[in-house]
C-alpha atoms as a PDB file:
ATOM      1  CA  MET A   1      18.199 -22.978  -8.505  1.00  0.00           C
ATOM      2  CA  LYS A   2      21.223 -20.900  -9.448  1.00  0.00           C
ATOM      3  CA  LYS A   3      24.442 -21.199  -7.418  1.00  0.00           C
ATOM      4  CA  ILE A   4      24.219 -19.384  -4.091  1.00  0.00           C
ATOM      5  CA  ASN A   5      26.677 -16.795  -2.718  1.00  0.00           C
ATOM      6  CA  GLU A   6      26.851 -15.214  -6.160  1.00  0.00           C
ATOM      7  CA  ILE A   7      25.785 -11.883  -7.670  1.00  0.00           C
ATOM      8  CA  TYR A   8      24.203 -12.198 -11.126  1.00  0.00           C
ATOM      9  CA  ASN A   9      23.752  -9.698 -13.955  1.00  0.00           C
ATOM     10  CA  LEU A  10      20.083 -10.448 -14.644  1.00  0.00           C
ATOM     11  CA  ASP A  11      16.898  -8.425 -14.557  1.00  0.00           C
ATOM     12  CA  CYS A  12      14.661  -9.202 -11.604  1.00  0.00           C
ATOM     13  CA  PHE A  13      12.144 -11.298 -13.572  1.00  0.00           C
ATOM     14  CA  GLU A  14      14.720 -13.502 -15.296  1.00  0.00           C
ATOM     15  CA  PHE A  15      16.555 -13.903 -11.988  1.00  0.00           C
ATOM     16  CA  LEU A  16      13.458 -14.791  -9.945  1.00  0.00           C
ATOM     17  CA  ASN A  17      12.382 -17.271 -12.605  1.00  0.00           C
ATOM     18  CA  LYS A  18      15.592 -19.214 -11.893  1.00  0.00           C
ATOM     19  CA  ILE A  19      15.013 -19.345  -8.111  1.00  0.00           C
ATOM     20  CA  ASP A  20      13.314 -22.415  -6.639  1.00  0.00           C
ATOM     21  CA  ASP A  21       9.939 -21.899  -5.001  1.00  0.00           C
ATOM     22  CA  LYS A  22       9.930 -21.969  -1.176  1.00  0.00           C
ATOM     23  CA  SER A  23      13.737 -21.663  -1.005  1.00  0.00           C
ATOM     24  CA  ILE A  24      14.299 -18.156   0.396  1.00  0.00           C
ATOM     25  CA  ASN A  25      14.371 -17.341   4.113  1.00  0.00           C
ATOM     26  CA  LEU A  26      14.616 -13.583   3.729  1.00  0.00           C
ATOM     27  CA  ALA A  27      14.233 -11.104   0.866  1.00  0.00           C
ATOM     28  CA  VAL A  28      15.673  -7.608   1.310  1.00  0.00           C
ATOM     29  CA  ILE A  29      14.512  -5.474  -1.592  1.00  0.00           C
ATOM     30  CA  ASP A  30      15.581  -1.912  -2.427  1.00  0.00           C
ATOM     31  CA  PRO A  31      13.804  -1.424  -5.772  1.00  0.00           C
ATOM     32  CA  PRO A  32      13.284   1.628  -8.002  1.00  0.00           C
ATOM     33  CA  TYR A  33      11.308   4.464  -6.379  1.00  0.00           C
ATOM     34  CA  ASN A  34      10.252   6.266  -9.586  1.00  0.00           C
ATOM     35  CA  LEU A  35      12.041   9.457  -8.513  1.00  0.00           C
ATOM     36  CA  ASN A  36      13.706   9.997 -11.912  1.00  0.00           C
ATOM     37  CA  LYS A  37      17.148  10.199 -10.301  1.00  0.00           C
ATOM     38  CA  ALA A  38      18.606   7.730 -12.803  1.00  0.00           C
ATOM     39  CA  LYS A  39      17.541   5.882 -15.943  1.00  0.00           C
ATOM     40  CA  TRP A  40      16.779   2.727 -13.965  1.00  0.00           C
ATOM     41  CA  ASP A  41      14.575   4.757 -11.596  1.00  0.00           C
ATOM     42  CA  SER A  42      12.451   6.401 -14.332  1.00  0.00           C
ATOM     43  CA  PHE A  43       9.123   5.232 -15.741  1.00  0.00           C
ATOM     44  CA  GLU A  44       6.773   6.593 -18.388  1.00  0.00           C
ATOM     45  CA  SER A  45       3.962   6.957 -15.867  1.00  0.00           C
ATOM     46  CA  GLU A  46       3.018   6.149 -12.298  1.00  0.00           C
ATOM     47  CA  LYS A  47       0.872   3.317 -13.636  1.00  0.00           C
ATOM     48  CA  ASP A  48       3.890   1.796 -15.404  1.00  0.00           C
ATOM     49  CA  PHE A  49       5.878   2.034 -12.177  1.00  0.00           C
ATOM     50  CA  PHE A  50       3.272   0.250 -10.060  1.00  0.00           C
ATOM     51  CA  ASP A  51       2.635  -2.358 -12.765  1.00  0.00           C
ATOM     52  CA  PHE A  52       6.373  -3.117 -12.708  1.00  0.00           C
ATOM     53  CA  THR A  53       6.463  -3.127  -8.889  1.00  0.00           C
ATOM     54  CA  PHE A  54       3.490  -5.465  -8.498  1.00  0.00           C
ATOM     55  CA  ARG A  55       4.896  -7.808 -11.164  1.00  0.00           C
ATOM     56  CA  TRP A  56       8.202  -8.356  -9.361  1.00  0.00           C
ATOM     57  CA  ILE A  57       6.416  -8.707  -6.020  1.00  0.00           C
ATOM     58  CA  ASP A  58       4.139 -11.375  -7.492  1.00  0.00           C
ATOM     59  CA  ALA A  59       7.168 -13.177  -8.941  1.00  0.00           C
ATOM     60  CA  LEU A  60       9.007 -13.044  -5.607  1.00  0.00           C
ATOM     61  CA  ILE A  61       6.309 -14.221  -3.183  1.00  0.00           C
ATOM     62  CA  PRO A  62       6.361 -17.928  -4.256  1.00  0.00           C
ATOM     63  CA  LYS A  63      10.131 -18.025  -3.651  1.00  0.00           C
ATOM     64  CA  LEU A  64       9.729 -17.378   0.100  1.00  0.00           C
ATOM     65  CA  LYS A  65       9.650 -20.258   2.553  1.00  0.00           C
ATOM     66  CA  SER A  66       6.532 -20.655   4.688  1.00  0.00           C
ATOM     67  CA  ASN A  67       8.355 -18.886   7.550  1.00  0.00           C
ATOM     68  CA  GLY A  68      10.123 -16.427   5.242  1.00  0.00           C
ATOM     69  CA  SER A  69      10.249 -12.644   5.562  1.00  0.00           C
ATOM     70  CA  LEU A  70      10.151  -9.770   3.087  1.00  0.00           C
ATOM     71  CA  TYR A  71      11.423  -6.210   3.581  1.00  0.00           C
ATOM     72  CA  ILE A  72      10.733  -3.601   0.888  1.00  0.00           C
ATOM     73  CA  PHE A  73      12.289  -0.123   0.863  1.00  0.00           C
ATOM     74  CA  ASN A  74      10.462   2.749  -0.814  1.00  0.00           C
ATOM     75  CA  THR A  75       9.001   6.211  -0.344  1.00  0.00           C
ATOM     76  CA  PRO A  76       6.084   6.603   2.087  1.00  0.00           C
ATOM     77  CA  TYR A  77       3.821   7.490  -0.849  1.00  0.00           C
ATOM     78  CA  ASN A  78       4.713   4.380  -2.863  1.00  0.00           C
ATOM     79  CA  SER A  79       4.563   2.195   0.232  1.00  0.00           C
ATOM     80  CA  ALA A  80       0.940   3.241   0.771  1.00  0.00           C
ATOM     81  CA  PHE A  81       0.098   1.494  -2.540  1.00  0.00           C
ATOM     82  CA  ILE A  82       2.460  -1.458  -2.079  1.00  0.00           C
ATOM     83  CA  LEU A  83       1.087  -2.385   1.363  1.00  0.00           C
ATOM     84  CA  PRO A  84      -2.491  -3.264   0.272  1.00  0.00           C
ATOM     85  CA  HIS A  85      -1.101  -5.278  -2.648  1.00  0.00           C
ATOM     86  CA  LEU A  86       0.950  -7.407  -0.242  1.00  0.00           C
ATOM     87  CA  VAL A  87      -2.067  -7.872   2.027  1.00  0.00           C
ATOM     88  CA  ALA A  88      -4.215  -8.903  -0.955  1.00  0.00           C
ATOM     89  CA  LYS A  89      -1.583 -11.515  -1.841  1.00  0.00           C
ATOM     90  CA  GLY A  90      -2.001 -13.142   1.567  1.00  0.00           C
ATOM     91  CA  LEU A  91       1.180 -11.954   3.268  1.00  0.00           C
ATOM     92  CA  PHE A  92       1.152 -10.998   6.935  1.00  0.00           C
ATOM     93  CA  PHE A  93       1.876  -7.377   7.842  1.00  0.00           C
ATOM     94  CA  GLN A  94       4.363  -6.946  10.688  1.00  0.00           C
ATOM     95  CA  ASN A  95       5.729  -3.374  10.628  1.00  0.00           C
ATOM     96  CA  TRP A  96       5.871  -0.140   8.692  1.00  0.00           C
ATOM     97  CA  ILE A  97       9.389   0.962   9.617  1.00  0.00           C
ATOM     98  CA  THR A  98      10.404   4.589   9.269  1.00  0.00           C
ATOM     99  CA  TRP A  99      14.063   5.058   8.440  1.00  0.00           C
ATOM    100  CA  ASP A 100      15.116   8.510   9.658  1.00  0.00           C
ATOM    101  CA  LYS A 101      18.099   9.096   7.359  1.00  0.00           C
ATOM    102  CA  ARG A 102      19.297  12.397   8.850  1.00  0.00           C
ATOM    103  CA  ASP A 103      19.319  13.502   5.233  1.00  0.00           C
ATOM    104  CA  GLY A 104      16.901  14.365   2.437  1.00  0.00           C
ATOM    105  CA  LEU A 105      16.802  14.320  -1.339  1.00  0.00           C
ATOM    106  CA  GLY A 106      16.098  18.039  -1.659  1.00  0.00           C
ATOM    107  CA  GLY A 107      14.678  21.187  -0.103  1.00  0.00           C
ATOM    108  CA  ALA A 108      10.971  21.743   0.441  1.00  0.00           C
ATOM    109  CA  LYS A 109       9.191  25.101   0.539  1.00  0.00           C
ATOM    110  CA  GLN A 110       5.538  23.976   0.622  1.00  0.00           C
ATOM    111  CA  LYS A 111       5.766  20.868   2.814  1.00  0.00           C
ATOM    112  CA  PHE A 112       7.984  19.350   5.491  1.00  0.00           C
ATOM    113  CA  SER A 113      11.443  18.314   4.331  1.00  0.00           C
ATOM    114  CA  ASN A 114      11.733  14.707   3.191  1.00  0.00           C
ATOM    115  CA  GLY A 115      14.248  13.003   5.448  1.00  0.00           C
ATOM    116  CA  GLN A 116      12.834   9.496   5.690  1.00  0.00           C
ATOM    117  CA  GLU A 117      12.187   6.313   3.767  1.00  0.00           C
ATOM    118  CA  SER A 118       9.753   3.525   4.524  1.00  0.00           C
ATOM    119  CA  ILE A 119      10.552  -0.154   4.980  1.00  0.00           C
ATOM    120  CA  LEU A 120       7.597  -2.541   4.812  1.00  0.00           C
ATOM    121  CA  PHE A 121       8.106  -5.750   6.798  1.00  0.00           C
ATOM    122  CA  PHE A 122       5.852  -8.647   5.791  1.00  0.00           C
ATOM    123  CA  THR A 123       6.040 -12.387   6.376  1.00  0.00           C
ATOM    124  CA  LYS A 124       4.810 -15.396   4.407  1.00  0.00           C
ATOM    125  CA  GLY A 125       3.234 -16.917   7.513  1.00  0.00           C
ATOM    126  CA  GLU A 126       2.512 -16.198  11.149  1.00  0.00           C
ATOM    127  CA  ASN A 127       5.297 -18.455  12.479  1.00  0.00           C
ATOM    128  CA  HIS A 128       8.258 -16.493  11.173  1.00  0.00           C
ATOM    129  CA  ILE A 129      11.800 -15.933  12.411  1.00  0.00           C
ATOM    130  CA  PHE A 130      12.306 -12.841  14.542  1.00  0.00           C
ATOM    131  CA  ASN A 131      15.411 -12.577  16.711  1.00  0.00           C
ATOM    132  CA  TYR A 132      14.389  -9.586  18.831  1.00  0.00           C
ATOM    133  CA  ASP A 133      17.281  -9.971  21.268  1.00  0.00           C
ATOM    134  CA  ASP A 134      19.804  -9.643  18.431  1.00  0.00           C
ATOM    135  CA  VAL A 135      18.593  -6.187  17.398  1.00  0.00           C
ATOM    136  CA  ARG A 136      18.187  -4.428  20.716  1.00  0.00           C
ATOM    137  CA  VAL A 137      19.263  -0.778  20.786  1.00  0.00           C
ATOM    138  CA  PRO A 138      20.734   1.395  23.562  1.00  0.00           C
ATOM    139  CA  TYR A 139      18.399   2.843  26.185  1.00  0.00           C
ATOM    140  CA  GLU A 140      17.799   6.575  25.781  1.00  0.00           C
ATOM    141  CA  SER A 141      17.429   7.587  29.425  1.00  0.00           C
ATOM    142  CA  THR A 142      20.980   6.771  30.504  1.00  0.00           C
ATOM    143  CA  ASP A 143      20.812   8.239  34.043  1.00  0.00           C
ATOM    144  CA  ARG A 144      17.624   6.333  34.839  1.00  0.00           C
ATOM    145  CA  ILE A 145      19.074   3.127  33.418  1.00  0.00           C
ATOM    146  CA  GLU A 146      22.277   3.456  35.465  1.00  0.00           C
ATOM    147  CA  HIS A 147      20.145   3.760  38.585  1.00  0.00           C
ATOM    148  CA  ALA A 148      18.006   0.799  37.559  1.00  0.00           C
ATOM    149  CA  LYS A 149      21.021  -1.460  37.049  1.00  0.00           C
ATOM    150  CA  THR A 150      21.629  -1.661  40.786  1.00  0.00           C
ATOM    151  CA  LYS A 151      18.286  -0.962  42.435  1.00  0.00           C
ATOM    152  CA  GLY A 152      15.792  -1.685  39.714  1.00  0.00           C
ATOM    153  CA  ILE A 153      12.626   0.301  39.007  1.00  0.00           C
ATOM    154  CA  LEU A 154       9.343  -0.546  40.684  1.00  0.00           C
ATOM    155  CA  LYS A 155       6.841  -1.323  37.929  1.00  0.00           C
ATOM    156  CA  ASP A 156       3.420  -2.902  38.511  1.00  0.00           C
ATOM    157  CA  GLY A 157       4.566  -4.143  41.898  1.00  0.00           C
ATOM    158  CA  LYS A 158       7.719  -5.768  40.564  1.00  0.00           C
ATOM    159  CA  ARG A 159      11.332  -4.696  40.295  1.00  0.00           C
ATOM    160  CA  TRP A 160      12.377  -4.112  36.676  1.00  0.00           C
ATOM    161  CA  PHE A 161      16.032  -4.276  35.693  1.00  0.00           C
ATOM    162  CA  PRO A 162      17.343  -3.166  32.281  1.00  0.00           C
ATOM    163  CA  ASN A 163      18.424  -5.747  29.740  1.00  0.00           C
ATOM    164  CA  PRO A 164      22.220  -5.542  29.299  1.00  0.00           C
ATOM    165  CA  LYS A 165      21.711  -5.734  25.513  1.00  0.00           C
ATOM    166  CA  GLY A 166      19.483  -2.634  25.507  1.00  0.00           C
ATOM    167  CA  ARG A 167      15.818  -1.985  24.813  1.00  0.00           C
ATOM    168  CA  LEU A 168      13.655  -3.623  22.172  1.00  0.00           C
ATOM    169  CA  CYS A 169      14.002  -2.020  18.746  1.00  0.00           C
ATOM    170  CA  GLY A 170      11.079   0.141  17.651  1.00  0.00           C
ATOM    171  CA  GLU A 171       9.686   1.107  14.254  1.00  0.00           C
ATOM    172  CA  VAL A 172      11.663   4.360  13.859  1.00  0.00           C
ATOM    173  CA  TRP A 173      15.300   3.763  12.960  1.00  0.00           C
ATOM    174  CA  HIS A 174      17.725   6.670  13.334  1.00  0.00           C
ATOM    175  CA  ILE A 175      20.566   5.621  11.036  1.00  0.00           C
ATOM    176  CA  THR A 176      22.536   8.179   9.033  1.00  0.00           C
ATOM    177  CA  SER A 177      22.436   7.717   5.256  1.00  0.00           C
ATOM    178  CA  GLU A 178      25.613   7.100   3.266  1.00  0.00           C
ATOM    179  CA  ARG A 179      24.949  10.348   1.360  1.00  0.00           C
ATOM    180  CA  HIS A 180      25.007  12.319   4.597  1.00  0.00           C
ATOM    181  CA  LYS A 181      28.066  10.496   5.966  1.00  0.00           C
ATOM    182  CA  ASN A 182      30.049  11.362   2.837  1.00  0.00           C
ATOM    183  CA  LYS A 183      29.208  15.063   2.700  1.00  0.00           C
ATOM    184  CA  ILE A 184      32.146  17.442   2.463  1.00  0.00           C
ATOM    185  CA  ASN A 185      31.449  21.048   3.493  1.00  0.00           C
ATOM    186  CA  GLY A 186      27.740  20.347   3.203  1.00  0.00           C
ATOM    187  CA  LYS A 187      27.974  18.894  -0.307  1.00  0.00           C
ATOM    188  CA  THR A 188      27.592  15.259  -1.328  1.00  0.00           C
ATOM    189  CA  PRO A 189      30.438  14.059  -3.570  1.00  0.00           C
ATOM    190  CA  LYS A 190      29.659  11.901  -6.598  1.00  0.00           C
ATOM    191  CA  MET A 191      29.109   8.347  -5.383  1.00  0.00           C
ATOM    192  CA  SER A 192      29.469   5.050  -7.243  1.00  0.00           C
ATOM    193  CA  HIS A 193      25.788   4.338  -6.528  1.00  0.00           C
ATOM    194  CA  ILE A 194      23.238   7.094  -5.943  1.00  0.00           C
ATOM    195  CA  THR A 195      21.283   5.362  -3.171  1.00  0.00           C
ATOM    196  CA  PRO A 196      23.546   3.002  -1.182  1.00  0.00           C
ATOM    197  CA  LYS A 197      21.983   1.756   2.029  1.00  0.00           C
ATOM    198  CA  PRO A 198      24.036   1.836   5.262  1.00  0.00           C
ATOM    199  CA  LEU A 199      25.494  -1.533   6.231  1.00  0.00           C
ATOM    200  CA  GLU A 200      24.125  -1.086   9.764  1.00  0.00           C
ATOM    201  CA  LEU A 201      20.587  -0.814   8.385  1.00  0.00           C
ATOM    202  CA  VAL A 202      20.684  -4.017   6.355  1.00  0.00           C
ATOM    203  CA  GLU A 203      22.543  -5.895   9.096  1.00  0.00           C
ATOM    204  CA  ARG A 204      19.690  -5.100  11.491  1.00  0.00           C
ATOM    205  CA  ILE A 205      17.172  -6.614   9.084  1.00  0.00           C
ATOM    206  CA  ILE A 206      19.246  -9.743   8.492  1.00  0.00           C
ATOM    207  CA  LYS A 207      19.949 -10.277  12.194  1.00  0.00           C
ATOM    208  CA  ALA A 208      16.264  -9.914  13.040  1.00  0.00           C
ATOM    209  CA  SER A 209      14.712 -12.071  10.334  1.00  0.00           C
ATOM    210  CA  SER A 210      17.193 -14.842   9.558  1.00  0.00           C
ATOM    211  CA  ASN A 211      19.528 -17.295  11.250  1.00  0.00           C
ATOM    212  CA  ILE A 212      23.099 -18.356  10.486  1.00  0.00           C
ATOM    213  CA  GLY A 213      23.138 -20.421   7.293  1.00  0.00           C
ATOM    214  CA  ASP A 214      19.824 -19.054   5.984  1.00  0.00           C
ATOM    215  CA  LEU A 215      19.456 -17.819   2.396  1.00  0.00           C
ATOM    216  CA  VAL A 216      18.975 -14.076   1.758  1.00  0.00           C
ATOM    217  CA  LEU A 217      17.804 -12.745  -1.627  1.00  0.00           C
ATOM    218  CA  ASP A 218      18.115  -9.301  -3.218  1.00  0.00           C
ATOM    219  CA  CYS A 219      17.068  -8.784  -6.850  1.00  0.00           C
ATOM    220  CA  PHE A 220      18.113  -5.094  -6.972  1.00  0.00           C
ATOM    221  CA  VAL A 221      21.490  -5.477  -5.270  1.00  0.00           C
ATOM    222  CA  GLY A 222      22.999  -2.140  -6.399  1.00  0.00           C
ATOM    223  CA  SER A 223      26.256  -1.546  -4.539  1.00  0.00           C
ATOM    224  CA  GLY A 224      26.141  -5.000  -2.909  1.00  0.00           C
ATOM    225  CA  ILE A 225      25.220  -4.093   0.676  1.00  0.00           C
ATOM    226  CA  THR A 226      22.830  -7.040   1.142  1.00  0.00           C
ATOM    227  CA  ALA A 227      25.461  -9.535  -0.002  1.00  0.00           C
ATOM    228  CA  ILE A 228      28.123  -7.920   2.208  1.00  0.00           C
ATOM    229  CA  ALA A 229      25.884  -7.922   5.283  1.00  0.00           C
ATOM    230  CA  ALA A 230      24.804 -11.523   4.688  1.00  0.00           C
ATOM    231  CA  LYS A 231      28.397 -12.727   4.333  1.00  0.00           C
ATOM    232  CA  LYS A 232      29.558 -10.858   7.450  1.00  0.00           C
ATOM    233  CA  LEU A 233      26.684 -12.395   9.437  1.00  0.00           C
ATOM    234  CA  LYS A 234      27.349 -15.936   8.124  1.00  0.00           C
ATOM    235  CA  ARG A 235      24.204 -16.123   6.015  1.00  0.00           C
ATOM    236  CA  ASN A 236      24.106 -17.329   2.435  1.00  0.00           C
ATOM    237  CA  PHE A 237      22.990 -14.932  -0.273  1.00  0.00           C
ATOM    238  CA  ILE A 238      21.824 -14.894  -3.867  1.00  0.00           C
ATOM    239  CA  CYS A 239      21.591 -11.490  -5.554  1.00  0.00           C
ATOM    240  CA  SER A 240      21.177  -9.852  -8.925  1.00  0.00           C
ATOM    241  CA  ASP A 241      20.991  -6.525 -10.720  1.00  0.00           C
ATOM    242  CA  ASN A 242      20.266  -5.741 -14.363  1.00  0.00           C
ATOM    243  CA  ASN A 243      22.931  -3.013 -14.403  1.00  0.00           C
ATOM    244  CA  LYS A 244      26.279  -4.617 -15.283  1.00  0.00           C
ATOM    245  CA  ASN A 245      28.234  -1.712 -13.774  1.00  0.00           C
ATOM    246  CA  TYR A 246      26.454  -2.149 -10.443  1.00  0.00           C
ATOM    247  CA  VAL A 247      27.131  -5.887 -10.541  1.00  0.00           C
ATOM    248  CA  LYS A 248      30.854  -5.168 -11.014  1.00  0.00           C
ATOM    249  CA  LEU A 249      30.691  -2.623  -8.173  1.00  0.00           C
ATOM    250  CA  ALA A 250      28.848  -5.053  -5.897  1.00  0.00           C
ATOM    251  CA  LYS A 251      31.389  -7.803  -6.540  1.00  0.00           C
ATOM    252  CA  ARG A 252      34.293  -5.421  -5.824  1.00  0.00           C
ATOM    253  CA  ASN A 253      32.628  -4.242  -2.611  1.00  0.00           C
ATOM    254  CA  LEU A 254      31.949  -7.823  -1.544  1.00  0.00           C
ATOM    255  CA  ILE A 255      35.639  -8.678  -1.882  1.00  0.00           C
ATOM    256  CA  LYS A 256      36.703  -5.450  -0.157  1.00  0.00           C
ATOM    257  CA  TYR A 257      34.237  -5.385   2.759  1.00  0.00           C
ATOM    258  CA  GLY A 258      32.671  -8.844   3.027  1.00  0.00           C
ATOM    259  CA  ASN A 259      35.345 -10.286   5.295  1.00  0.00           C
ATOM    260  CA  LYS A 260      35.768  -7.287   7.618  1.00  0.00           C
END
């Protein structure tokens, strides 16, 4: 096992080969999408892309603990092919999460605008960690909830009172993308990484599917968000990326934001 709480400049296969089997509590993976937005996100064919994707998935699965969890970001289209592969490998499907980014990668004239990404949530076993109380979200019907705080709401013959932490988190996550947050006069400025994930998004995953002191893995760490979120939430991390510039960026971001 390589030293934890480090970010390595290794490709995903070399990195995963150095990780002990059954050592990872949570894997948060934001891999290539084959959208041709950068050299690292381009493949000769769709077949090459899925061959690559299934290879790193197969290399990762043995690294998860028996109660470990796996979250994979991708497009809805790609996720439709990734999901049956994970099922065939014996993992347990938990959720297909839709991330509503409030932003898209381009206009659409012959279909609905693309403003979402998919996050597949699978577990190694049925008895996995899931801290549902730690990821509650605000109630939407504020007037009704204010009334219920004092008098409750009659439901199935019983008085229901709202949870002070909010309602249980659903499968549609409305979290603004970093691209959209950084727009100036409607235009996105050049960013140090083309697809950084919001810290809030990754923190939700880590809070839900790991405990303090657990080990979180990311083999496509990019701008370092997984490492930052893990450190802020008192989890251990072990991350890598084959792009040396992204590794430098991730390490800078970890120093800058990891203790805030």
